[in-house]
N, C-alpha and C. Protein backbone atom coordinates (compact mmCIF):
# COMPACT_ATOMS: atom_id res chain seq x y z
N MET A 1 0.76 -0.98 -0.59
CA MET A 1 0.27 -0.24 0.31
C MET A 1 0.99 1.10 0.09
N ALA A 2 0.55 2.54 -0.97
CA ALA A 2 1.67 3.33 -0.69
C ALA A 2 1.41 3.98 0.32
N ASP A 3 1.64 4.88 -0.30
CA ASP A 3 1.38 6.47 1.48
C ASP A 3 0.77 7.45 1.11
N LEU A 4 0.39 7.55 -0.77
CA LEU A 4 -0.41 9.08 -1.35
C LEU A 4 -2.45 7.86 -1.30
N THR A 5 -2.51 9.03 -1.33
CA THR A 5 -3.80 7.80 -2.18
C THR A 5 -4.10 9.21 -2.95
N LEU A 6 -5.00 8.88 -4.22
CA LEU A 6 -5.18 10.18 -5.00
C LEU A 6 -6.90 10.24 -5.29
N VAL A 7 -7.72 10.98 -4.22
CA VAL A 7 -9.35 9.90 -4.55
C VAL A 7 -9.87 10.78 -5.73
N ILE A 8 -10.18 10.87 -6.35
CA ILE A 8 -10.23 10.56 -8.29
C ILE A 8 -12.32 10.42 -8.32
N GLY A 9 -12.39 11.66 -9.49
CA GLY A 9 -13.26 10.92 -10.06
C GLY A 9 -13.36 10.43 -11.48
N ASN A 10 -14.66 10.14 -11.98
CA ASN A 10 -14.80 9.67 -14.25
C ASN A 10 -13.16 9.93 -14.23
N LYS A 11 -12.87 8.69 -14.57
CA LYS A 11 -11.83 9.49 -15.47
C LYS A 11 -12.31 9.28 -16.68
N ASN A 12 -13.04 9.68 -17.70
CA ASN A 12 -13.59 9.53 -18.75
C ASN A 12 -13.95 11.31 -18.79
N TYR A 13 -14.56 11.86 -17.47
CA TYR A 13 -15.11 13.16 -17.43
C TYR A 13 -14.47 14.32 -16.55
N SER A 14 -13.57 13.81 -15.74
CA SER A 14 -12.84 14.48 -14.67
C SER A 14 -11.93 15.13 -14.90
N SER A 15 -11.86 16.04 -15.20
CA SER A 15 -10.58 17.24 -15.70
C SER A 15 -10.06 17.63 -14.71
N TRP A 16 -10.72 17.53 -13.78
CA TRP A 16 -9.90 18.01 -12.18
C TRP A 16 -8.92 16.76 -11.74
N SER A 17 -9.44 15.83 -12.18
CA SER A 17 -8.92 14.89 -11.63
C SER A 17 -7.43 14.13 -12.75
N LEU A 18 -7.45 14.49 -14.06
CA LEU A 18 -6.72 14.19 -14.48
C LEU A 18 -5.71 14.38 -14.18
N ARG A 19 -5.37 15.98 -13.62
CA ARG A 19 -4.79 16.77 -14.05
C ARG A 19 -3.42 16.73 -12.51
N PRO A 20 -3.70 16.50 -11.10
CA PRO A 20 -2.58 15.92 -10.32
C PRO A 20 -2.76 14.86 -10.96
N TRP A 21 -3.66 14.00 -11.82
CA TRP A 21 -2.42 12.46 -11.53
C TRP A 21 -1.50 11.95 -12.44
N LEU A 22 -1.73 13.28 -13.95
CA LEU A 22 -0.48 13.47 -14.86
C LEU A 22 0.81 13.77 -13.63
N ALA A 23 0.73 14.77 -12.59
CA ALA A 23 2.04 15.69 -11.90
C ALA A 23 2.42 14.34 -11.48
N LEU A 24 1.32 13.33 -10.92
CA LEU A 24 1.92 12.54 -9.02
C LEU A 24 3.13 11.56 -10.38
N ARG A 25 2.38 10.92 -11.46
CA ARG A 25 2.59 10.03 -12.61
C ARG A 25 4.13 10.18 -12.72
N HIS A 26 4.11 11.46 -13.45
CA HIS A 26 5.20 11.59 -13.55
C HIS A 26 6.15 12.23 -13.09
N ALA A 27 6.37 12.92 -11.74
CA ALA A 27 6.83 12.29 -10.60
C ALA A 27 7.72 11.41 -10.11
N GLY A 28 6.47 10.57 -10.57
CA GLY A 28 7.42 9.17 -9.96
C GLY A 28 6.71 8.47 -8.74
N LEU A 29 5.92 9.36 -8.70
CA LEU A 29 5.41 9.06 -6.92
C LEU A 29 4.85 7.88 -7.27
N GLU A 30 4.73 6.40 -6.21
CA GLU A 30 3.29 6.14 -5.61
C GLU A 30 2.56 6.14 -5.17
N PHE A 31 1.37 5.73 -5.66
CA PHE A 31 -0.56 6.02 -4.98
C PHE A 31 -1.29 4.82 -5.00
N ASP A 32 -2.01 5.34 -4.01
CA ASP A 32 -2.77 4.19 -4.64
C ASP A 32 -4.33 5.19 -4.86
N GLU A 33 -5.01 5.04 -5.63
CA GLU A 33 -7.20 5.37 -6.37
C GLU A 33 -7.69 4.87 -4.86
N ILE A 34 -8.58 6.26 -5.35
CA ILE A 34 -9.45 5.98 -4.94
C ILE A 34 -10.82 6.53 -5.80
N LEU A 35 -11.50 5.79 -7.35
CA LEU A 35 -12.31 6.20 -7.12
C LEU A 35 -13.98 6.45 -7.06
N ILE A 36 -15.08 8.14 -6.93
CA ILE A 36 -15.91 8.16 -6.73
C ILE A 36 -16.55 8.70 -7.66
N PRO A 37 -17.56 7.65 -8.27
CA PRO A 37 -18.34 7.85 -9.46
C PRO A 37 -19.01 9.57 -8.86
N LEU A 38 -19.05 10.03 -10.13
CA LEU A 38 -19.38 11.92 -10.13
C LEU A 38 -20.94 11.46 -10.28
N ASP A 39 -21.83 12.81 -9.33
CA ASP A 39 -23.47 13.14 -10.59
C ASP A 39 -24.10 11.57 -10.57
N GLU A 40 -23.84 11.01 -9.15
CA GLU A 40 -24.69 9.71 -8.67
C GLU A 40 -25.29 10.29 -6.80
N THR A 41 -26.09 9.69 -6.75
CA THR A 41 -26.90 9.84 -5.37
C THR A 41 -26.34 10.10 -4.20
N GLY A 42 -24.78 8.70 -3.87
CA GLY A 42 -24.26 9.42 -2.98
C GLY A 42 -23.31 9.97 -2.90
N THR A 43 -22.74 10.63 -4.58
CA THR A 43 -21.13 11.14 -4.56
C THR A 43 -20.94 12.19 -3.10
N ARG A 44 -21.65 12.97 -3.33
CA ARG A 44 -20.86 14.12 -2.64
C ARG A 44 -20.69 13.35 -1.02
N SER A 45 -21.70 12.32 0.20
CA SER A 45 -21.43 12.28 0.77
C SER A 45 -19.90 10.93 0.65
N GLU A 46 -19.46 10.49 -0.57
CA GLU A 46 -18.99 9.28 -0.53
C GLU A 46 -17.42 10.30 -0.28
N ILE A 47 -17.53 12.12 -1.43
CA ILE A 47 -16.33 12.29 -0.81
C ILE A 47 -16.38 13.46 0.22
N MET A 48 -17.26 13.51 0.77
CA MET A 48 -16.71 14.12 2.24
C MET A 48 -16.36 13.67 3.06
N LYS A 49 -15.94 12.05 2.93
CA LYS A 49 -14.97 11.28 4.21
C LYS A 49 -14.34 11.24 3.67
N HIS A 50 -13.73 11.51 2.57
CA HIS A 50 -12.01 12.31 2.10
C HIS A 50 -11.52 13.49 1.99
N SER A 51 -12.21 14.76 2.16
CA SER A 51 -12.28 16.14 1.52
C SER A 51 -13.64 17.08 2.19
N GLY A 52 -13.29 17.77 3.23
CA GLY A 52 -14.25 19.39 3.55
C GLY A 52 -14.42 19.53 2.48
N SER A 53 -14.11 19.69 1.71
CA SER A 53 -14.73 20.71 -0.40
C SER A 53 -15.69 20.09 -1.09
N GLY A 54 -15.87 19.58 -0.09
CA GLY A 54 -16.82 18.43 -1.21
C GLY A 54 -16.53 18.34 -2.19
N ARG A 55 -15.59 18.52 -3.28
CA ARG A 55 -14.36 18.86 -4.32
C ARG A 55 -13.86 17.65 -4.62
N LEU A 56 -13.46 17.39 -5.61
CA LEU A 56 -12.30 16.25 -5.95
C LEU A 56 -11.63 17.02 -7.70
N PRO A 57 -10.86 16.48 -6.95
CA PRO A 57 -9.75 15.35 -6.49
C PRO A 57 -9.16 15.69 -5.27
N ALA A 58 -8.58 14.89 -4.32
CA ALA A 58 -8.24 14.97 -3.09
C ALA A 58 -6.66 13.97 -2.78
N LEU A 59 -6.03 14.22 -2.73
CA LEU A 59 -4.36 13.49 -2.42
C LEU A 59 -4.33 13.35 -0.51
N LYS A 60 -4.36 12.05 0.13
CA LYS A 60 -3.77 12.04 0.87
C LYS A 60 -2.67 11.59 1.48
N ASP A 61 -1.98 12.16 2.59
CA ASP A 61 -0.55 11.99 2.59
C ASP A 61 -0.17 11.90 4.21
N GLY A 62 -1.39 10.22 4.70
CA GLY A 62 -1.22 9.81 5.87
C GLY A 62 -2.53 11.21 6.38
N ASP A 63 -1.68 11.90 8.14
CA ASP A 63 -3.07 12.48 8.40
C ASP A 63 -3.24 14.16 7.65
N LEU A 64 -2.56 13.73 5.82
CA LEU A 64 -2.64 15.36 5.81
C LEU A 64 -3.74 15.16 4.48
N THR A 65 -4.62 16.07 4.19
CA THR A 65 -4.87 16.24 3.09
C THR A 65 -4.90 17.27 1.88
N VAL A 66 -4.26 17.24 1.10
CA VAL A 66 -4.51 18.15 0.15
C VAL A 66 -5.02 18.27 -1.13
N TRP A 67 -6.31 19.50 -0.69
CA TRP A 67 -7.35 19.26 -1.80
C TRP A 67 -6.92 20.40 -2.70
N ASP A 68 -7.84 20.13 -4.63
CA ASP A 68 -7.82 21.23 -5.25
C ASP A 68 -6.07 20.41 -5.94
N SER A 69 -6.69 20.40 -7.90
CA SER A 69 -5.78 19.82 -8.87
C SER A 69 -4.77 20.73 -8.34
N LEU A 70 -4.36 22.52 -8.28
CA LEU A 70 -3.14 23.18 -8.54
C LEU A 70 -2.42 22.90 -7.48
N ALA A 71 -3.11 22.55 -5.95
CA ALA A 71 -2.30 22.18 -5.00
C ALA A 71 -1.87 21.01 -4.84
N ILE A 72 -2.62 20.18 -5.80
CA ILE A 72 -1.53 18.87 -5.48
C ILE A 72 -0.56 18.55 -6.23
N CYS A 73 -0.91 19.49 -7.06
CA CYS A 73 0.19 19.45 -7.98
C CYS A 73 1.30 20.38 -7.45
N GLU A 74 1.22 21.46 -7.09
CA GLU A 74 2.55 21.83 -6.25
C GLU A 74 2.73 21.27 -5.43
N TYR A 75 2.06 20.00 -4.93
CA TYR A 75 3.01 19.19 -3.11
C TYR A 75 4.02 18.40 -3.70
N ALA A 76 3.13 17.90 -5.51
CA ALA A 76 4.08 17.16 -6.31
C ALA A 76 5.90 16.97 -5.81
N ALA A 77 5.78 18.55 -6.20
CA ALA A 77 6.40 18.99 -6.76
C ALA A 77 7.61 19.08 -5.94
N GLU A 78 6.74 19.39 -4.45
CA GLU A 78 7.55 19.35 -3.73
C GLU A 78 8.26 18.23 -3.20
N LEU A 79 7.07 17.51 -2.88
CA LEU A 79 7.74 15.85 -2.65
C LEU A 79 8.90 15.80 -3.90
N ARG A 80 9.04 15.60 -4.70
CA ARG A 80 10.28 15.18 -5.88
C ARG A 80 11.15 16.56 -6.34
N PRO A 81 11.55 17.47 -6.40
CA PRO A 81 11.91 18.94 -6.26
C PRO A 81 12.60 18.11 -7.83
N ASP A 82 13.66 16.75 -7.75
CA ASP A 82 14.52 16.29 -8.87
C ASP A 82 13.53 16.20 -10.26
N ALA A 83 12.03 16.04 -9.65
CA ALA A 83 11.76 15.62 -11.09
C ALA A 83 10.94 16.62 -12.37
N GLY A 84 11.52 17.95 -11.80
CA GLY A 84 11.05 19.09 -12.75
C GLY A 84 10.09 19.28 -13.20
N LEU A 85 9.10 18.98 -12.20
CA LEU A 85 7.96 19.73 -12.49
C LEU A 85 7.94 21.09 -12.90
N TRP A 86 8.52 21.58 -12.32
CA TRP A 86 8.36 23.65 -12.95
C TRP A 86 9.83 23.69 -13.37
N PRO A 87 9.85 24.40 -14.34
CA PRO A 87 10.83 24.97 -15.46
C PRO A 87 11.98 25.69 -14.46
N ASP A 88 13.11 25.41 -14.74
CA ASP A 88 14.60 25.76 -14.02
C ASP A 88 14.62 26.95 -14.30
N ALA A 89 13.83 27.84 -14.77
CA ALA A 89 14.55 29.45 -15.36
C ALA A 89 13.22 29.81 -14.40
N ARG A 90 13.41 31.10 -13.87
CA ARG A 90 12.46 31.86 -13.06
C ARG A 90 11.89 32.61 -13.79
N ASP A 91 12.10 32.80 -15.58
CA ASP A 91 11.39 33.79 -15.81
C ASP A 91 10.49 32.89 -16.08
N ALA A 92 10.75 31.71 -16.69
CA ALA A 92 9.78 30.57 -17.16
C ALA A 92 8.36 30.14 -16.42
N ARG A 93 9.37 29.82 -15.30
CA ARG A 93 9.05 29.58 -14.31
C ARG A 93 7.60 30.31 -13.76
N ALA A 94 8.34 31.63 -13.69
CA ALA A 94 6.66 31.94 -13.32
C ALA A 94 5.55 32.50 -14.88
N VAL A 95 5.82 32.66 -16.12
CA VAL A 95 5.33 32.12 -16.58
C VAL A 95 5.07 30.51 -16.84
N ALA A 96 4.69 30.03 -16.44
CA ALA A 96 4.32 28.51 -16.07
C ALA A 96 3.51 28.59 -15.50
N ARG A 97 3.89 29.19 -13.87
CA ARG A 97 2.95 29.52 -13.26
C ARG A 97 1.64 30.27 -13.65
N SER A 98 1.58 31.56 -14.38
CA SER A 98 0.53 32.48 -14.58
C SER A 98 -0.50 31.17 -16.02
N ILE A 99 0.44 30.91 -16.62
CA ILE A 99 -1.06 29.66 -17.71
C ILE A 99 -1.21 29.34 -16.91
N ALA A 100 -0.76 28.25 -16.11
CA ALA A 100 -1.47 27.29 -15.36
C ALA A 100 -2.62 27.67 -14.14
N CYS A 101 -2.27 28.96 -13.98
CA CYS A 101 -3.39 29.12 -12.56
C CYS A 101 -4.77 30.42 -13.49
N GLU A 102 -3.69 30.76 -14.96
CA GLU A 102 -4.91 31.06 -16.17
C GLU A 102 -6.49 29.83 -15.90
N MET A 103 -5.42 28.95 -16.37
CA MET A 103 -6.59 27.40 -17.02
C MET A 103 -7.29 26.83 -15.39
N HIS A 104 -6.39 27.44 -14.28
CA HIS A 104 -7.45 26.34 -13.07
C HIS A 104 -8.16 28.08 -12.84
N SER A 105 -8.99 29.37 -12.85
CA SER A 105 -9.76 30.19 -12.59
C SER A 105 -10.08 30.55 -13.83
N GLY A 106 -9.98 30.50 -15.34
CA GLY A 106 -10.77 31.13 -16.97
C GLY A 106 -11.01 29.47 -17.69
N PHE A 107 -11.90 30.14 -19.13
CA PHE A 107 -12.11 29.64 -19.63
C PHE A 107 -13.14 28.94 -19.44
N ALA A 108 -13.89 29.51 -18.62
CA ALA A 108 -16.22 29.25 -18.30
C ALA A 108 -16.26 28.63 -19.53
N ALA A 109 -16.34 29.30 -20.71
CA ALA A 109 -17.44 28.80 -21.71
C ALA A 109 -16.92 27.40 -21.99
N LEU A 110 -15.32 27.96 -22.40
CA LEU A 110 -15.06 25.99 -22.97
C LEU A 110 -15.04 25.17 -21.63
N ARG A 111 -15.28 25.02 -20.48
CA ARG A 111 -15.48 23.98 -19.88
C ARG A 111 -17.30 23.78 -19.62
N GLN A 112 -17.79 24.93 -19.90
CA GLN A 112 -18.93 24.05 -19.90
C GLN A 112 -19.94 23.85 -20.93
N HIS A 113 -19.21 24.41 -22.39
CA HIS A 113 -20.23 24.26 -23.47
C HIS A 113 -19.12 23.26 -23.84
N MET A 114 -17.65 22.99 -23.63
CA MET A 114 -17.12 22.09 -23.95
C MET A 114 -16.69 20.58 -23.39
N PRO A 115 -17.57 19.87 -21.82
CA PRO A 115 -17.07 19.26 -21.20
C PRO A 115 -16.45 18.02 -21.82
N MET A 116 -15.14 18.04 -20.81
CA MET A 116 -14.48 16.92 -20.76
C MET A 116 -15.21 15.34 -20.97
N ASN A 117 -14.91 14.37 -21.80
CA ASN A 117 -15.39 13.12 -22.55
C ASN A 117 -14.34 12.96 -23.50
N ILE A 118 -14.14 11.53 -22.78
CA ILE A 118 -12.74 10.97 -23.69
C ILE A 118 -13.05 10.07 -24.24
N ARG A 119 -13.59 9.91 -24.26
CA ARG A 119 -14.58 8.58 -25.03
C ARG A 119 -15.40 8.20 -26.37
N SER A 120 -15.63 10.05 -26.55
CA SER A 120 -16.92 10.20 -27.65
C SER A 120 -16.46 11.44 -28.47
N LYS A 121 -16.90 11.26 -30.07
CA LYS A 121 -16.34 11.87 -30.46
C LYS A 121 -17.59 12.42 -30.44
N PHE A 122 -17.75 14.54 -30.35
CA PHE A 122 -18.64 15.55 -30.75
C PHE A 122 -18.09 15.99 -31.92
N PRO A 123 -17.68 16.27 -33.18
CA PRO A 123 -17.24 17.10 -33.70
C PRO A 123 -18.17 18.43 -33.63
N ASP A 124 -17.76 19.72 -34.15
CA ASP A 124 -18.37 20.53 -34.15
C ASP A 124 -19.35 20.97 -32.15
N GLU A 125 -19.07 20.63 -31.94
CA GLU A 125 -20.53 20.42 -30.55
C GLU A 125 -19.60 21.52 -29.87
N GLY A 126 -20.45 21.90 -29.53
CA GLY A 126 -20.02 22.88 -28.14
C GLY A 126 -19.79 24.64 -28.44
N ARG A 127 -20.57 24.67 -29.62
CA ARG A 127 -19.17 26.14 -30.38
C ARG A 127 -20.51 27.37 -29.60
N LYS A 128 -20.53 27.80 -28.58
CA LYS A 128 -21.56 28.29 -27.37
C LYS A 128 -20.65 30.10 -28.38
N PRO A 129 -21.30 30.85 -27.96
CA PRO A 129 -20.84 32.55 -27.14
C PRO A 129 -20.07 31.70 -26.00
N GLY A 130 -17.77 32.42 -26.27
CA GLY A 130 -17.41 32.87 -25.50
C GLY A 130 -16.43 31.43 -26.04
N VAL A 131 -16.50 30.28 -26.70
CA VAL A 131 -16.00 29.41 -26.46
C VAL A 131 -15.00 29.59 -27.95
N LYS A 132 -14.75 29.82 -29.01
CA LYS A 132 -13.85 30.23 -29.71
C LYS A 132 -13.14 31.57 -29.07
N GLU A 133 -13.79 32.71 -27.66
CA GLU A 133 -12.09 33.07 -27.61
C GLU A 133 -11.24 32.33 -27.28
N ASP A 134 -11.65 31.13 -25.75
CA ASP A 134 -11.46 30.46 -25.09
C ASP A 134 -9.89 29.47 -25.90
N ILE A 135 -10.79 28.75 -27.53
CA ILE A 135 -10.09 28.42 -28.06
C ILE A 135 -8.54 28.95 -28.70
N ASP A 136 -9.28 30.82 -28.66
CA ASP A 136 -8.21 31.00 -30.08
C ASP A 136 -7.11 31.27 -28.28
N ARG A 137 -7.82 31.68 -27.55
CA ARG A 137 -6.22 32.54 -26.26
C ARG A 137 -5.98 30.73 -26.12
N ILE A 138 -6.17 29.51 -25.97
CA ILE A 138 -5.67 28.68 -25.23
C ILE A 138 -4.41 28.18 -26.80
N ALA A 139 -5.21 28.28 -28.04
CA ALA A 139 -3.77 28.27 -28.41
C ALA A 139 -2.52 29.37 -28.92
N ALA A 140 -3.53 30.57 -28.56
CA ALA A 140 -1.32 31.96 -28.16
C ALA A 140 -1.30 31.07 -27.31
N LEU A 141 -1.57 30.84 -26.58
CA LEU A 141 -0.81 30.08 -25.38
C LEU A 141 0.03 29.51 -25.72
N TRP A 142 -0.20 28.14 -26.08
CA TRP A 142 0.11 27.00 -26.55
C TRP A 142 1.59 27.41 -27.53
N ARG A 143 1.09 28.24 -28.58
CA ARG A 143 3.17 28.98 -29.64
C ARG A 143 3.17 29.82 -29.08
N GLN A 144 2.82 30.64 -28.17
CA GLN A 144 3.99 31.57 -26.69
C GLN A 144 4.95 30.52 -26.40
N CYS A 145 4.48 29.59 -25.25
CA CYS A 145 5.22 29.10 -24.84
C CYS A 145 6.13 27.98 -25.76
N ARG A 146 5.75 27.49 -26.70
CA ARG A 146 6.07 26.66 -27.57
C ARG A 146 7.19 27.72 -27.99
N SER A 147 7.15 28.78 -28.21
CA SER A 147 8.22 29.21 -29.58
C SER A 147 9.38 29.61 -28.98
N ARG A 148 8.71 30.27 -27.03
CA ARG A 148 10.01 30.95 -26.43
C ARG A 148 10.64 29.93 -25.04
N TYR A 149 10.23 29.25 -25.28
CA TYR A 149 10.52 28.26 -23.41
C TYR A 149 10.72 26.72 -24.31
N GLY A 150 9.96 26.85 -25.24
CA GLY A 150 9.69 25.13 -25.58
C GLY A 150 11.83 24.24 -27.24
N ALA A 151 12.40 25.34 -26.58
CA ALA A 151 13.60 24.24 -27.75
C ALA A 151 13.69 23.08 -26.79
N ASP A 152 14.34 22.32 -25.92
CA ASP A 152 14.89 21.31 -25.89
C ASP A 152 13.41 20.34 -25.44
N GLY A 153 12.17 20.52 -25.84
CA GLY A 153 11.11 19.19 -26.01
C GLY A 153 10.54 19.80 -26.23
N PRO A 154 9.10 18.75 -26.41
CA PRO A 154 7.80 18.52 -27.05
C PRO A 154 7.14 19.77 -26.40
N PHE A 155 7.38 19.70 -25.10
CA PHE A 155 5.73 20.46 -24.55
C PHE A 155 6.38 22.19 -23.81
N LEU A 156 5.49 22.15 -24.02
CA LEU A 156 5.15 24.02 -23.42
C LEU A 156 6.36 24.47 -23.05
N PHE A 157 7.61 24.07 -21.66
CA PHE A 157 8.32 24.46 -21.51
C PHE A 157 9.75 23.62 -21.54
N GLY A 158 9.75 22.97 -22.86
CA GLY A 158 10.49 21.54 -23.08
C GLY A 158 10.39 20.88 -22.32
N ARG A 159 10.31 20.55 -21.02
CA ARG A 159 9.97 19.23 -20.71
C ARG A 159 8.45 19.16 -20.27
N PHE A 160 8.20 18.13 -19.82
CA PHE A 160 6.99 18.01 -19.39
C PHE A 160 6.57 18.75 -17.72
N THR A 161 5.69 19.85 -17.93
CA THR A 161 5.58 20.33 -16.56
C THR A 161 4.40 20.78 -15.79
N ILE A 162 3.94 20.80 -14.47
CA ILE A 162 2.63 21.05 -14.05
C ILE A 162 1.64 22.06 -15.41
N ALA A 163 2.69 22.64 -16.20
CA ALA A 163 1.86 23.83 -16.63
C ALA A 163 1.14 22.89 -17.92
N ASP A 164 1.89 21.85 -18.61
CA ASP A 164 1.24 20.60 -19.36
C ASP A 164 0.42 20.15 -18.80
N ALA A 165 0.56 19.46 -17.47
CA ALA A 165 -0.41 18.72 -16.50
C ALA A 165 -1.60 19.16 -16.50
N MET A 166 -1.52 20.60 -16.72
CA MET A 166 -3.07 21.41 -16.11
C MET A 166 -3.97 21.55 -17.74
N TYR A 167 -3.11 22.16 -19.13
CA TYR A 167 -3.99 21.67 -20.90
C TYR A 167 -4.26 20.49 -20.97
N ALA A 168 -3.61 19.28 -20.63
CA ALA A 168 -4.08 18.03 -21.28
C ALA A 168 -5.15 17.85 -21.29
N PRO A 169 -6.75 18.22 -20.23
CA PRO A 169 -7.86 17.73 -20.29
C PRO A 169 -7.55 18.85 -21.50
N VAL A 170 -7.63 19.70 -21.79
CA VAL A 170 -7.98 20.74 -22.86
C VAL A 170 -7.63 19.71 -24.44
N VAL A 171 -6.56 19.10 -24.16
CA VAL A 171 -6.02 18.67 -25.11
C VAL A 171 -7.05 16.98 -25.88
N THR A 172 -7.70 16.93 -24.54
CA THR A 172 -8.80 15.56 -24.39
C THR A 172 -9.68 15.99 -25.69
N ARG A 173 -9.69 17.89 -24.89
CA ARG A 173 -11.41 18.56 -25.18
C ARG A 173 -11.18 18.98 -26.74
N PHE A 174 -10.33 19.70 -27.23
CA PHE A 174 -10.13 19.48 -28.50
C PHE A 174 -10.41 18.30 -29.44
N ARG A 175 -9.77 16.98 -29.02
CA ARG A 175 -10.08 15.70 -30.44
C ARG A 175 -11.41 15.40 -30.17
N THR A 176 -11.96 15.69 -29.06
CA THR A 176 -13.42 14.67 -29.03
C THR A 176 -14.10 16.17 -29.84
N TYR A 177 -14.16 17.37 -29.44
CA TYR A 177 -15.21 17.98 -30.28
C TYR A 177 -14.21 18.43 -32.35
N GLY A 178 -13.69 18.29 -32.17
CA GLY A 178 -12.83 18.15 -33.86
C GLY A 178 -12.14 19.89 -33.09
N VAL A 179 -11.81 20.42 -32.90
CA VAL A 179 -10.99 21.49 -32.72
C VAL A 179 -10.49 21.58 -33.44
N ALA A 180 -10.31 21.86 -34.51
CA ALA A 180 -9.29 21.78 -35.95
C ALA A 180 -8.01 23.34 -35.02
N LEU A 181 -6.77 23.07 -35.20
CA LEU A 181 -5.15 23.85 -34.76
C LEU A 181 -4.23 24.13 -35.78
N GLY A 182 -3.85 25.30 -35.12
CA GLY A 182 -2.41 24.74 -36.08
C GLY A 182 -1.04 24.35 -35.71
N GLU A 183 0.07 23.80 -36.76
CA GLU A 183 0.63 23.12 -36.80
C GLU A 183 1.30 22.73 -35.27
N VAL A 184 2.07 24.08 -35.11
CA VAL A 184 2.40 24.11 -33.97
C VAL A 184 1.53 23.29 -32.51
N GLU A 185 0.84 24.11 -32.41
CA GLU A 185 -0.20 23.70 -31.58
C GLU A 185 -0.83 22.21 -31.46
N GLN A 186 -1.25 21.75 -32.85
CA GLN A 186 -1.65 20.48 -33.05
C GLN A 186 -0.27 18.98 -32.83
N ALA A 187 0.51 19.95 -32.94
CA ALA A 187 1.92 19.09 -32.19
C ALA A 187 2.45 19.57 -30.74
N TYR A 188 1.81 19.42 -29.88
CA TYR A 188 2.44 19.90 -29.37
C TYR A 188 0.72 19.04 -28.34
N ALA A 189 -0.11 19.13 -28.82
CA ALA A 189 -1.07 18.40 -28.00
C ALA A 189 -1.14 17.02 -28.40
N ASP A 190 -0.33 16.41 -30.03
CA ASP A 190 -0.03 15.49 -30.09
C ASP A 190 0.98 14.70 -28.87
N SER A 191 2.14 15.22 -28.90
CA SER A 191 2.86 14.95 -27.56
C SER A 191 2.17 14.76 -26.31
N VAL A 192 1.91 15.47 -25.86
CA VAL A 192 0.36 15.37 -24.43
C VAL A 192 -0.45 13.84 -24.71
N TRP A 193 -1.08 13.72 -26.10
CA TRP A 193 -2.04 12.85 -26.27
C TRP A 193 -0.76 11.88 -26.64
N GLY A 194 0.61 11.63 -26.49
CA GLY A 194 0.98 10.55 -26.53
C GLY A 194 1.97 9.72 -25.38
N LEU A 195 1.90 11.01 -24.90
CA LEU A 195 2.49 10.35 -22.83
C LEU A 195 1.77 8.92 -22.98
N ASP A 196 2.78 7.68 -22.16
CA ASP A 196 2.29 6.89 -21.84
C ASP A 196 0.74 6.71 -20.84
N ALA A 197 0.80 7.81 -19.77
CA ALA A 197 0.13 7.86 -18.76
C ALA A 197 -1.12 8.79 -19.32
N MET A 198 -0.67 9.48 -20.06
CA MET A 198 -2.34 9.96 -21.13
C MET A 198 -3.31 8.45 -21.67
N LYS A 199 -2.08 7.63 -22.03
CA LYS A 199 -2.83 6.59 -22.80
C LYS A 199 -3.71 5.42 -21.66
N GLU A 200 -3.12 5.50 -20.75
CA GLU A 200 -3.43 4.65 -19.26
C GLU A 200 -4.98 5.19 -19.11
N TRP A 201 -4.45 6.63 -18.93
CA TRP A 201 -5.74 7.24 -18.60
C TRP A 201 -6.64 6.82 -19.14
N ALA A 202 -6.76 7.40 -20.51
CA ALA A 202 -7.51 7.25 -22.21
C ALA A 202 -8.37 5.72 -21.98
N LYS A 203 -7.52 5.20 -21.90
CA LYS A 203 -7.84 3.51 -21.58
C LYS A 203 -8.64 3.75 -20.88
N ALA A 204 -8.28 3.89 -19.31
CA ALA A 204 -9.18 3.50 -18.49
C ALA A 204 -10.93 4.08 -18.63
N ALA A 205 -10.45 5.34 -19.27
CA ALA A 205 -11.82 6.05 -19.23
C ALA A 205 -12.77 5.46 -20.48
N SER A 206 -12.16 4.81 -21.07
CA SER A 206 -12.64 3.91 -21.77
C SER A 206 -13.67 3.02 -21.79
N ASP A 207 -13.05 2.45 -20.86
CA ASP A 207 -13.29 1.32 -20.22
C ASP A 207 -14.71 1.60 -19.10
N GLU A 208 -14.80 2.95 -18.56
CA GLU A 208 -16.13 3.01 -17.55
C GLU A 208 -17.14 2.79 -18.32
N PRO A 209 -18.29 1.92 -17.44
CA PRO A 209 -19.52 2.25 -17.55
C PRO A 209 -20.53 2.96 -16.91
N MET A 210 -19.90 4.32 -16.71
CA MET A 210 -20.63 5.32 -15.94
C MET A 210 -20.84 6.25 -17.21
N VAL A 211 -21.96 6.93 -16.67
CA VAL A 211 -22.15 8.04 -18.28
C VAL A 211 -23.00 9.03 -17.40
N ILE A 212 -22.04 10.17 -17.49
CA ILE A 212 -23.49 11.45 -16.69
C ILE A 212 -23.95 12.07 -18.28
N ASP A 213 -25.20 12.34 -17.91
CA ASP A 213 -25.39 12.60 -19.22
C ASP A 213 -25.50 14.09 -19.92
N TYR A 214 -24.55 15.56 -18.82
CA TYR A 214 -24.63 16.54 -19.09
C TYR A 214 -23.44 16.50 -20.24
N ALA A 215 -22.21 15.40 -19.72
CA ALA A 215 -21.63 15.62 -21.12
C ALA A 215 -21.94 14.72 -21.94
N GLU A 216 -22.75 14.50 -22.11
CA GLU A 216 -23.14 13.56 -23.58
C GLU A 216 -24.33 14.71 -24.26
N PHE A 217 -23.58 14.40 -26.15
CA PHE A 217 -25.17 15.32 -26.88
C PHE A 217 -25.25 14.62 -27.78
């Protein structure tokens, strides 16, 4: 049994759960998983057993509970500083944190109208007001980071960082909804999708029997 336990929601639908899961895996941290199906009668009561916020994910390390995706990613970076979950250079690190926080607090239209649903394909759905602006902003961020900081690898800051973990659910959304990307952005999205950990998560998502109606078209 691992010292760490990550409590997550459905792998097909829970974008917030995917982010810290990827960070923990990339850091080489061993952890157990508890998966709580979302949007069911007993969901909240089950979550409350693990997190007073009533939300997922939550990371349990002995008597300590860390809730919120970005906080868990930061905790992983502190547990394994050698894993390079933030860029080395101060300016790159500042930008990485900025775009991670923008993903954490922004892009409401994209979240609402293009919910994560890895195992399905809904080309051209979800094109509601504000979604195009969110997509354009994300694409611009990806291009800028790849151009300025990505020379040493295929990810936003060269090697994989928390910034990539934060945008990984967007990569799945762009696949699900058939969002056309430029060459730079598409190459980046393909690199994220090609991660062994992403393939593992996507396979588990495709095998889940649970269905959440609001995320289906």
